Amino acid sequence: MVAFAEDPPAPTGLPAAGTAAAAGVDAAAVDADVANQELSGDAKVRLDSARDSVVQIRGFFDKSASSAFHGSGFAVDDGRRIVTNYHVVAQAVLYPRQYRLEYLASDGRTGPLHVLAIDVRNDLTVVAAETLELPPLRLRTEIPAQGERAWSIGFPLNLGLAITEGVANGLVASSVAQRIHYTGAINGGMSGGPALDTRGRVYGVNVSVVAGRQLVGFVVPAKHIPALLARAKEPLDLTLSAQQLRSRVTAQVLAYEAEVLEAPPDGIRTQAVRGYTLPTQISRHVECSTVDERSPHARVRVETVSCWIPASITAQAGVSVAGFTMQHRILQSMGLHPLQFERQVNRIAEGPRRAGAPAHVAPFACSDALVSLDGFDARISTCVRQYRLFAGLYDFDVTVVGIEDRAQALVSRLALQGVGFEAGRRIMERYLGALQWTP
């Protein structure tokens, strides 16, 4: 999706089976013909078949005639409902009185759209227009086998409707949120567009790319769409207040983190480094790596264990939540005077905390304390801040500095991004309780 204003008031800048039957066309024969097209003609066949089912979704600030953001969507079910990404329409969900949504159909028709249902975890939304009815695309709810040819359609960078070709590589093994790896190009503005298989069925929804990489795109599996359609009954912005809409987003985030961030492993796994026992997999989905980090000082060696959960979800533009990172640094003095070494330790411990726009989060409130952990004393700095739109979400930033050895030190940091307060407190206690020093 194209970038858009972070906060108001200042804005920035295949036919359905029924249709084929009515025309006297054998749907099975059409499928077989499409599947056997020569490579040079396949993309054109897919695009021509889906063109009338795909729309551009545009968001406008207040009464402005120029769009603030845009993405893509496609008709499903009875042709009256359109699937897109949650992040495409998030600003209109969170600020329903400031932003309005419109569609632009392939024949040039335009009109208002309303949000019917949201799935923040899977980054999906169903929208609808009162008078719009399009030929719906068929859904494929099973995951494509690795190596299947695939296509994605959307409106990249506001350049008009386009199609890209690639290969579906199955579910990303390390992703907590289900994503299918697609090797074709997905660019800004294509978010929410359909990802098609060789029979023209929608196997997923374009969602994101890896910045700085080539042809590494991701698709939300279509298996999540039917459940969302079942909830798409009436326009949310006409039945709920802005606060109720934000509470609904918050509730979905909290449900996700209860399943992912707090999911306890069979046992808390640890890693022993130079006398310290360091927590690693304190949640079932945590991944870790260990490196000999380049030190900011020639006479200080830094060994680093970094852990993270490889998923977060988008609450609004530029705001990712339900995030988890943990980093343990073991610092060793290579002949420095103790006071010089302490200075280096403090410099690393005072590294910048996670940034955040003041419009999105309140300032951090911090407290410092000297505490006795398992086998060593430590200086602990605990910082917490609240999200402005999502009253139930907080950031936690906890830094632990071990002070037992004049030639070796531990600097450990836990950062939780957009979590419930009690959940954050429990994760913090699990983290602190697993730190240990054995002289």
Protein backbone atom coordinates (compact mmCIF):
# COMPACT_ATOMS: atom_id res chain seq x y z
CA MET A 1 0.00 0.00 0.00
CA VAL A 2 1.19 3.53 -0.70
CA ALA A 3 2.22 5.49 2.40
CA PHE A 4 -0.32 7.89 3.82
CA ALA A 5 -0.92 10.37 6.58
CA GLU A 6 -0.27 9.03 10.04
CA ASP A 7 -2.89 11.06 11.87
CA PRO A 8 -5.69 13.49 11.12
CA PRO A 9 -6.38 16.27 10.56
CA ALA A 10 -3.45 16.76 8.15
CA PRO A 11 -3.63 14.45 5.10
CA THR A 12 -0.62 13.39 3.00
CA GLY A 13 -0.38 12.56 -0.09
CA LEU A 14 -12.06 -14.87 -13.91
CA PRO A 15 -15.68 -14.70 -14.48
CA ALA A 16 -17.93 -16.46 -11.97
CA ALA A 17 -18.95 -20.03 -12.71
CA GLY A 18 -22.54 -18.83 -12.99
CA THR A 19 -21.57 -16.27 -15.59
CA ALA A 20 -19.79 -18.86 -17.72
CA ALA A 21 -22.75 -21.21 -17.49
CA ALA A 22 -25.15 -18.47 -18.52
CA ALA A 23 -23.03 -17.85 -21.59
CA GLY A 24 -23.15 -21.51 -22.54
CA VAL A 25 -19.47 -22.06 -21.84
CA ASP A 26 -18.16 -25.33 -20.38
CA ALA A 27 -16.36 -24.17 -17.21
CA ALA A 28 -14.20 -27.31 -17.11
CA ALA A 29 -13.14 -26.74 -20.70
CA VAL A 30 -12.27 -23.13 -19.88
CA ASP A 31 -10.19 -24.28 -16.90
CA ALA A 32 -8.34 -26.83 -19.01
CA ASP A 33 -7.73 -24.30 -21.75
CA VAL A 34 -6.40 -21.70 -19.30
CA ALA A 35 -4.14 -24.23 -17.56
CA ASN A 36 -2.59 -25.25 -20.89
CA GLN A 37 -1.86 -21.79 -22.27
CA GLU A 38 1.66 -21.13 -23.48
CA LEU A 39 3.78 -19.19 -20.99
CA SER A 40 3.81 -16.04 -23.12
CA GLY A 41 0.02 -15.83 -23.06
CA ASP A 42 -0.76 -16.95 -19.53
CA ALA A 43 -0.46 -13.60 -17.81
CA LYS A 44 -2.73 -11.94 -20.39
CA VAL A 45 -5.35 -14.69 -19.95
CA ARG A 46 -5.33 -14.29 -16.16
CA LEU A 47 -5.53 -10.52 -16.31
CA ASP A 48 -8.29 -10.42 -18.92
CA SER A 49 -10.33 -12.98 -16.96
CA ALA A 50 -9.99 -11.18 -13.62
CA ARG A 51 -9.94 -7.55 -14.76
CA ASP A 52 -13.63 -6.81 -14.11
CA SER A 53 -13.42 -8.39 -10.65
CA VAL A 54 -10.57 -6.23 -9.36
CA VAL A 55 -10.94 -2.68 -8.07
CA GLN A 56 -8.66 -0.01 -6.77
CA ILE A 57 -9.50 1.01 -3.22
CA ARG A 58 -8.77 4.63 -2.43
CA GLY A 59 -8.91 6.57 0.81
CA PHE A 60 -9.62 10.29 1.01
CA PHE A 61 -9.18 12.71 3.89
CA ASP A 62 -12.36 14.61 4.68
CA LYS A 63 -13.65 16.27 1.48
CA SER A 64 -10.36 16.17 -0.41
CA ALA A 65 -10.48 15.16 -4.08
CA SER A 66 -6.94 13.74 -4.05
CA SER A 67 -6.42 10.36 -2.42
CA ALA A 68 -4.41 9.93 0.78
CA PHE A 69 -3.72 6.23 0.20
CA HIS A 70 -4.69 3.41 -2.08
CA GLY A 71 -4.60 -0.36 -2.46
CA SER A 72 -6.37 -3.11 -4.34
CA GLY A 73 -9.32 -5.44 -3.78
CA PHE A 74 -11.34 -8.12 -5.54
CA ALA A 75 -14.94 -9.33 -5.60
CA VAL A 76 -15.92 -12.64 -4.02
CA ASP A 77 -19.05 -14.52 -2.95
CA ASP A 78 -22.08 -12.82 -4.54
CA GLY A 79 -19.96 -10.13 -6.20
CA ARG A 80 -21.14 -7.46 -3.78
CA ARG A 81 -18.40 -7.99 -1.24
CA ILE A 82 -14.75 -7.14 -1.81
CA VAL A 83 -11.71 -8.55 -0.02
CA THR A 84 -8.65 -6.44 0.66
CA ASN A 85 -5.98 -6.05 3.36
CA TYR A 86 -6.74 -4.54 6.74
CA HIS A 87 -3.72 -2.26 6.44
CA VAL A 88 -5.13 -0.81 3.21
CA VAL A 89 -8.21 0.53 5.02
CA ALA A 90 -6.88 0.82 8.59
CA GLN A 91 -6.93 4.62 8.61
CA ALA A 92 -10.61 4.64 7.65
CA VAL A 93 -11.37 2.02 10.33
CA LEU A 94 -9.61 3.99 13.06
CA TYR A 95 -10.74 7.45 11.91
CA PRO A 96 -14.17 6.76 10.34
CA ARG A 97 -15.26 10.39 10.59
CA GLN A 98 -12.11 11.78 8.97
CA TYR A 99 -11.46 9.32 6.13
CA ARG A 100 -13.76 7.93 3.47
CA LEU A 101 -13.22 4.95 1.16
CA GLU A 102 -14.04 4.72 -2.54
CA TYR A 103 -13.65 2.09 -5.26
CA LEU A 104 -12.51 2.59 -8.84
CA ALA A 105 -13.76 -0.22 -11.10
CA SER A 106 -12.20 -1.31 -14.39
CA ASP A 107 -14.97 0.44 -16.36
CA GLY A 108 -14.31 3.74 -14.61
CA ARG A 109 -17.20 3.60 -12.14
CA THR A 110 -16.54 5.00 -8.68
CA GLY A 111 -18.50 5.01 -5.45
CA PRO A 112 -18.30 4.81 -1.65
CA LEU A 113 -17.17 1.72 0.21
CA HIS A 114 -17.95 0.61 3.76
CA VAL A 115 -15.98 -1.80 5.95
CA LEU A 116 -17.99 -4.88 6.93
CA ALA A 117 -15.47 -7.01 8.85
CA ILE A 118 -11.82 -6.93 9.87
CA ASP A 119 -9.22 -9.61 10.66
CA VAL A 120 -6.20 -7.79 12.06
CA ARG A 121 -4.16 -10.95 12.65
CA ASN A 122 -4.39 -12.08 9.03
CA ASP A 123 -4.42 -8.53 7.64
CA LEU A 124 -7.76 -9.00 5.87
CA THR A 125 -10.89 -6.90 5.50
CA VAL A 126 -14.21 -7.23 3.71
CA VAL A 127 -15.70 -4.05 2.24
CA ALA A 128 -18.80 -3.44 0.12
CA ALA A 129 -20.56 -0.79 -1.93
CA GLU A 130 -24.33 -0.42 -1.91
CA THR A 131 -24.80 -0.51 -5.68
CA LEU A 132 -21.68 -2.33 -6.91
CA GLU A 133 -21.91 -5.91 -8.14
CA LEU A 134 -18.91 -7.48 -9.91
CA PRO A 135 -18.15 -10.94 -11.32
CA PRO A 136 -16.75 -12.77 -8.26
CA LEU A 137 -13.49 -14.66 -8.29
CA ARG A 138 -13.45 -18.22 -7.01
CA LEU A 139 -11.48 -19.09 -3.89
CA ARG A 140 -8.96 -21.89 -3.45
CA THR A 141 -8.66 -22.57 0.28
CA GLU A 142 -5.92 -25.22 0.08
CA ILE A 143 -2.29 -24.08 0.09
CA PRO A 144 -0.54 -24.39 -3.31
CA ALA A 145 2.22 -26.97 -3.56
CA GLN A 146 5.73 -25.55 -3.60
CA GLY A 147 6.72 -24.68 -7.16
CA GLU A 148 3.25 -23.98 -8.57
CA ARG A 149 3.10 -21.15 -11.07
CA ALA A 150 1.18 -18.16 -9.77
CA TRP A 151 0.18 -14.59 -10.61
CA SER A 152 -0.63 -11.47 -8.61
CA ILE A 153 -2.85 -8.60 -9.74
CA GLY A 154 -3.16 -5.08 -8.38
CA PHE A 155 -2.49 -1.39 -8.87
CA PRO A 156 1.25 -0.91 -8.26
CA LEU A 157 2.33 2.64 -7.36
CA ASN A 158 -0.86 4.04 -8.89
CA LEU A 159 0.37 3.08 -12.39
CA GLY A 160 -2.84 1.26 -13.35
CA LEU A 161 -3.90 -2.36 -13.21
CA ALA A 162 -0.97 -4.78 -13.63
CA ILE A 163 -0.15 -8.46 -13.29
CA THR A 164 3.08 -10.16 -12.22
CA GLU A 165 4.13 -13.77 -12.65
CA GLY A 166 6.08 -16.02 -10.31
CA VAL A 167 6.02 -19.19 -8.27
CA ALA A 168 4.18 -20.03 -5.05
CA ASN A 169 6.60 -21.62 -2.59
CA GLY A 170 4.22 -22.83 0.09
CA LEU A 171 3.84 -21.51 3.63
CA VAL A 172 6.80 -19.69 5.13
CA ALA A 173 8.10 -22.19 7.68
CA SER A 174 9.26 -19.62 10.26
CA SER A 175 6.23 -17.34 10.08
CA VAL A 176 3.81 -17.31 13.00
CA ALA A 177 1.18 -15.51 10.94
CA GLN A 178 0.47 -17.73 7.93
CA ARG A 179 2.06 -16.36 4.77
CA ILE A 180 2.78 -17.93 1.37
CA HIS A 181 6.09 -17.00 -0.27
CA TYR A 182 5.58 -15.69 -3.80
CA THR A 183 8.55 -15.06 -6.12
CA GLY A 184 6.85 -12.53 -8.38
CA ALA A 185 6.96 -8.78 -7.82
CA ILE A 186 4.53 -7.19 -5.34
CA ASN A 187 4.78 -3.43 -5.10
CA GLY A 188 3.06 -0.73 -3.10
CA GLY A 189 -0.57 -0.39 -4.18
CA MET A 190 -0.92 -4.10 -4.99
CA SER A 191 -1.77 -4.88 -1.37
CA GLY A 192 -5.19 -6.50 -1.18
CA GLY A 193 -5.16 -7.72 -4.78
CA PRO A 194 -5.77 -11.37 -5.71
CA ALA A 195 -3.03 -14.00 -6.01
CA LEU A 196 -4.14 -16.52 -8.66
CA ASP A 197 -3.29 -20.14 -9.48
CA THR A 198 -3.17 -21.79 -12.92
CA ARG A 199 -6.97 -22.15 -12.97
CA GLY A 200 -7.60 -18.52 -12.14
CA ARG A 201 -8.66 -19.24 -8.56
CA VAL A 202 -7.66 -16.97 -5.69
CA TYR A 203 -5.25 -18.88 -3.48
CA GLY A 204 -4.34 -15.79 -1.47
CA VAL A 205 -4.22 -12.03 -1.03
CA ASN A 206 -1.16 -9.87 -1.79
CA VAL A 207 0.11 -8.48 1.50
CA SER A 208 3.78 -7.46 1.66
CA VAL A 209 7.35 -7.62 0.43
CA VAL A 210 10.75 -7.71 2.11
CA ALA A 211 12.30 -4.28 1.70
CA GLY A 212 15.71 -4.33 0.05
CA ARG A 213 15.22 -7.80 -1.43
CA GLN A 214 14.25 -8.84 -4.93
CA LEU A 215 11.10 -10.82 -5.67
CA VAL A 216 10.43 -11.90 -2.08
CA GLY A 217 6.70 -11.30 -1.65
CA PHE A 218 4.10 -12.68 0.70
CA VAL A 219 0.48 -13.70 0.28
CA VAL A 220 -2.19 -14.30 2.93
CA PRO A 221 -3.77 -17.73 2.31
CA ALA A 222 -7.34 -17.58 1.01
CA LYS A 223 -8.33 -20.18 3.63
CA HIS A 224 -8.90 -17.29 6.06
CA ILE A 225 -11.44 -15.50 3.85
CA PRO A 226 -14.61 -17.64 4.36
CA ALA A 227 -14.67 -17.10 8.14
CA LEU A 228 -14.34 -13.35 7.60
CA LEU A 229 -17.12 -13.34 5.02
CA ALA A 230 -19.38 -15.05 7.56
CA ARG A 231 -18.95 -12.01 9.84
CA ALA A 232 -19.43 -9.40 7.10
CA LYS A 233 -23.03 -8.43 7.84
CA GLU A 234 -23.29 -4.63 8.08
CA PRO A 235 -21.09 -1.54 7.77
CA LEU A 236 -18.98 -1.15 10.87
CA ASP A 237 -18.57 2.60 10.51
CA LEU A 238 -22.36 3.05 10.53
CA THR A 239 -22.99 0.84 13.55
CA LEU A 240 -19.95 1.43 15.79
CA SER A 241 -18.29 4.55 17.15
CA ALA A 242 -14.63 5.31 16.47
CA GLN A 243 -13.78 4.21 20.02
CA GLN A 244 -15.65 0.92 19.56
CA LEU A 245 -13.82 0.28 16.28
CA ARG A 246 -10.46 0.88 17.96
CA SER A 247 -11.47 -1.40 20.83
CA ARG A 248 -12.27 -4.12 18.31
CA VAL A 249 -8.79 -3.77 16.78
CA THR A 250 -7.24 -3.88 20.27
CA ALA A 251 -9.21 -7.00 21.20
CA GLN A 252 -7.96 -8.83 18.10
CA VAL A 253 -4.37 -7.83 18.89
CA LEU A 254 -4.71 -9.07 22.48
CA ALA A 255 -6.16 -12.40 21.29
CA TYR A 256 -3.23 -12.82 18.91
CA GLU A 257 -0.59 -12.08 21.54
CA ALA A 258 -2.20 -14.42 24.07
CA GLU A 259 -1.73 -17.20 21.52
CA VAL A 260 1.70 -16.17 20.24
CA LEU A 261 3.69 -14.05 22.70
CA GLU A 262 2.52 -15.81 25.82
CA ALA A 263 2.46 -19.31 24.35
CA PRO A 264 4.63 -21.18 26.88
CA PRO A 265 7.21 -23.64 25.56
CA ASP A 266 7.49 -27.15 26.98
CA GLY A 267 10.13 -25.65 29.23
CA ILE A 268 11.96 -22.33 29.22
CA ARG A 269 15.11 -22.90 27.20
CA THR A 270 18.33 -21.20 28.19
CA GLN A 271 21.84 -20.73 26.84
CA ALA A 272 25.00 -20.74 28.95
CA VAL A 273 27.53 -18.03 28.08
CA ARG A 274 30.60 -17.39 30.25
CA GLY A 275 28.92 -18.23 33.52
CA TYR A 276 25.56 -16.65 32.70
CA THR A 277 22.43 -18.67 32.07
CA LEU A 278 20.37 -16.66 29.61
CA PRO A 279 16.72 -17.23 28.67
CA THR A 280 16.17 -17.84 24.99
CA GLN A 281 12.90 -19.54 24.09
CA ILE A 282 10.64 -18.11 26.79
CA SER A 283 7.77 -18.34 24.30
CA ARG A 284 7.03 -21.19 21.90
CA HIS A 285 7.64 -19.08 18.80
CA VAL A 286 10.95 -17.42 19.73
CA GLU A 287 13.97 -17.80 17.45
CA CYS A 288 17.55 -16.96 18.48
CA SER A 289 21.04 -16.50 17.03
CA THR A 290 24.47 -15.94 18.62
CA VAL A 291 27.25 -13.78 17.16
CA ASP A 292 30.57 -12.28 18.16
CA GLU A 293 29.45 -8.67 17.80
CA ARG A 294 31.75 -5.92 16.68
CA SER A 295 32.52 -3.92 19.78
CA PRO A 296 32.37 -0.11 19.98
CA HIS A 297 35.76 -0.27 21.77
CA ALA A 298 38.89 -2.12 20.59
CA ARG A 299 39.53 -3.54 24.07
CA VAL A 300 36.01 -4.76 24.77
CA ARG A 301 34.72 -8.05 23.38
CA VAL A 302 30.96 -8.41 22.93
CA GLU A 303 29.23 -11.78 22.53
CA THR A 304 25.56 -11.34 21.64
CA VAL A 305 22.55 -13.64 21.82
CA SER A 306 19.58 -12.14 19.96
CA CYS A 307 16.07 -13.57 20.14
CA TRP A 308 12.83 -12.53 18.48
CA ILE A 309 9.41 -13.69 17.40
CA PRO A 310 9.34 -13.47 13.57
CA ALA A 311 5.93 -11.84 13.36
CA SER A 312 4.08 -8.73 14.34
CA ILE A 313 0.81 -7.29 13.12
CA THR A 314 -0.20 -3.88 11.83
CA ALA A 315 -2.60 -1.86 13.95
CA GLN A 316 -2.41 1.27 11.81
CA ALA A 317 -0.09 2.86 9.27
CA GLY A 318 3.44 2.79 10.62
CA VAL A 319 2.42 1.06 13.86
CA SER A 320 3.30 -2.62 14.33
CA VAL A 321 2.21 -4.33 17.54
CA ALA A 322 2.50 -7.71 19.30
CA GLY A 323 6.27 -7.64 18.78
CA PHE A 324 8.97 -9.32 20.88
CA THR A 325 12.76 -8.93 20.88
CA MET A 326 15.33 -9.94 23.48
CA GLN A 327 19.08 -9.38 23.37
CA HIS A 328 21.78 -10.55 25.77
CA ARG A 329 25.27 -9.04 25.50
CA ILE A 330 28.22 -10.44 27.44
CA LEU A 331 30.99 -7.84 27.58
CA GLN A 332 34.59 -8.77 28.42
CA SER A 333 37.33 -6.30 29.27
CA MET A 334 40.57 -6.90 27.37
CA GLY A 335 42.80 -5.07 29.85
CA LEU A 336 40.77 -1.88 30.35
CA HIS A 337 40.82 -0.10 33.69
CA PRO A 338 37.64 -1.02 35.62
CA LEU A 339 36.31 2.54 35.38
CA GLN A 340 36.89 2.60 31.61
CA PHE A 341 35.18 -0.77 31.28
CA GLU A 342 32.23 0.42 33.34
CA ARG A 343 31.88 3.40 31.05
CA GLN A 344 31.65 1.12 28.01
CA VAL A 345 29.09 -1.07 29.78
CA ASN A 346 26.94 1.96 30.62
CA ARG A 347 27.21 3.28 27.08
CA ILE A 348 25.80 0.06 25.66
CA ALA A 349 23.14 -0.17 28.38
CA GLU A 350 21.96 3.36 27.59
CA GLY A 351 21.39 2.59 23.92
CA PRO A 352 18.33 4.19 22.35
CA ARG A 353 14.95 2.71 23.12
CA ARG A 354 12.44 1.95 20.43
CA ALA A 355 11.30 5.09 18.63
CA GLY A 356 7.67 6.00 18.19
CA ALA A 357 5.73 8.97 16.88
CA PRO A 358 4.29 11.08 19.71
CA ALA A 359 0.94 10.96 17.93
CA HIS A 360 0.90 7.17 18.37
CA VAL A 361 2.44 6.58 21.80
CA ALA A 362 2.85 8.47 25.07
CA PRO A 363 6.35 9.08 26.47
CA PHE A 364 8.07 6.27 28.34
CA ALA A 365 7.72 6.27 32.13
CA CYS A 366 10.85 4.67 33.61
CA SER A 367 12.03 3.41 36.99
CA ASP A 368 15.46 2.13 38.07
CA ALA A 369 16.23 -0.34 40.82
CA LEU A 370 19.00 -2.55 42.22
CA VAL A 371 17.74 -6.10 42.60
CA SER A 372 19.11 -9.54 43.46
CA LEU A 373 18.57 -12.04 40.67
CA ASP A 374 19.60 -15.70 40.68
CA GLY A 375 23.28 -15.59 41.65
CA PHE A 376 24.02 -11.93 40.93
CA ASP A 377 22.96 -8.39 41.66
CA ALA A 378 21.73 -6.26 38.79
CA ARG A 379 20.67 -2.76 37.91
CA ILE A 380 17.31 -2.87 36.18
CA SER A 381 15.65 -0.09 34.22
CA THR A 382 11.97 -0.66 33.41
CA CYS A 383 10.18 1.63 30.97
CA VAL A 384 6.53 1.45 29.92
CA ARG A 385 4.40 3.61 27.65
CA GLN A 386 0.80 3.47 26.46
CA TYR A 387 -0.65 3.69 22.95
CA ARG A 388 -2.91 6.64 22.34
CA LEU A 389 -5.53 5.05 20.07
CA PHE A 390 -5.39 1.59 21.62
CA ALA A 391 -5.90 2.08 25.35
CA GLY A 392 -5.15 -1.56 26.19
CA LEU A 393 -1.74 -1.72 24.46
CA TYR A 394 1.68 -0.85 25.89
CA ASP A 395 5.39 -0.93 25.01
CA PHE A 396 7.79 -2.44 27.57
CA ASP A 397 11.53 -1.82 27.52
CA VAL A 398 13.54 -3.59 30.24
CA THR A 399 17.33 -3.34 30.55
CA VAL A 400 19.34 -5.51 32.96
CA VAL A 401 23.00 -4.75 33.78
CA GLY A 402 24.88 -7.41 35.77
CA ILE A 403 27.38 -5.83 38.19
CA GLU A 404 29.15 -8.83 39.74
CA ASP A 405 32.45 -8.82 37.84
CA ARG A 406 34.89 -5.96 37.20
CA ALA A 407 36.15 -7.53 33.94
CA GLN A 408 32.91 -9.00 32.62
CA ALA A 409 29.36 -7.70 32.48
CA LEU A 410 25.91 -8.63 31.24
CA VAL A 411 23.74 -6.12 29.40
CA SER A 412 20.39 -7.69 28.58
CA ARG A 413 17.32 -6.05 27.08
CA LEU A 414 13.73 -7.17 26.60
CA ALA A 415 11.49 -5.10 24.31
CA LEU A 416 7.77 -5.78 23.95
CA GLN A 417 5.85 -3.84 21.35
CA GLY A 418 2.11 -3.23 21.63
CA VAL A 419 1.11 -5.78 24.27
CA GLY A 420 -1.45 -5.90 27.06
CA PHE A 421 -0.17 -4.57 30.38
CA GLU A 422 -0.65 -7.77 32.38
CA ALA A 423 0.75 -9.87 29.54
CA GLY A 424 3.80 -7.62 29.40
CA ARG A 425 4.30 -7.91 33.13
CA ARG A 426 4.09 -11.72 33.02
CA ILE A 427 6.58 -11.96 30.13
CA MET A 428 8.94 -9.60 31.96
CA GLU A 429 8.78 -11.73 35.12
CA ARG A 430 9.43 -14.89 33.09
CA TYR A 431 12.45 -13.21 31.53
CA LEU A 432 13.94 -11.91 34.78
CA GLY A 433 13.31 -15.18 36.57
CA ALA A 434 15.35 -17.12 34.02
CA LEU A 435 18.51 -14.97 34.23
CA GLN A 436 21.22 -16.64 36.30
CA TRP A 437 24.90 -16.24 37.13
CA THR A 438 27.18 -19.07 38.32
CA PRO A 439 30.61 -17.74 39.38
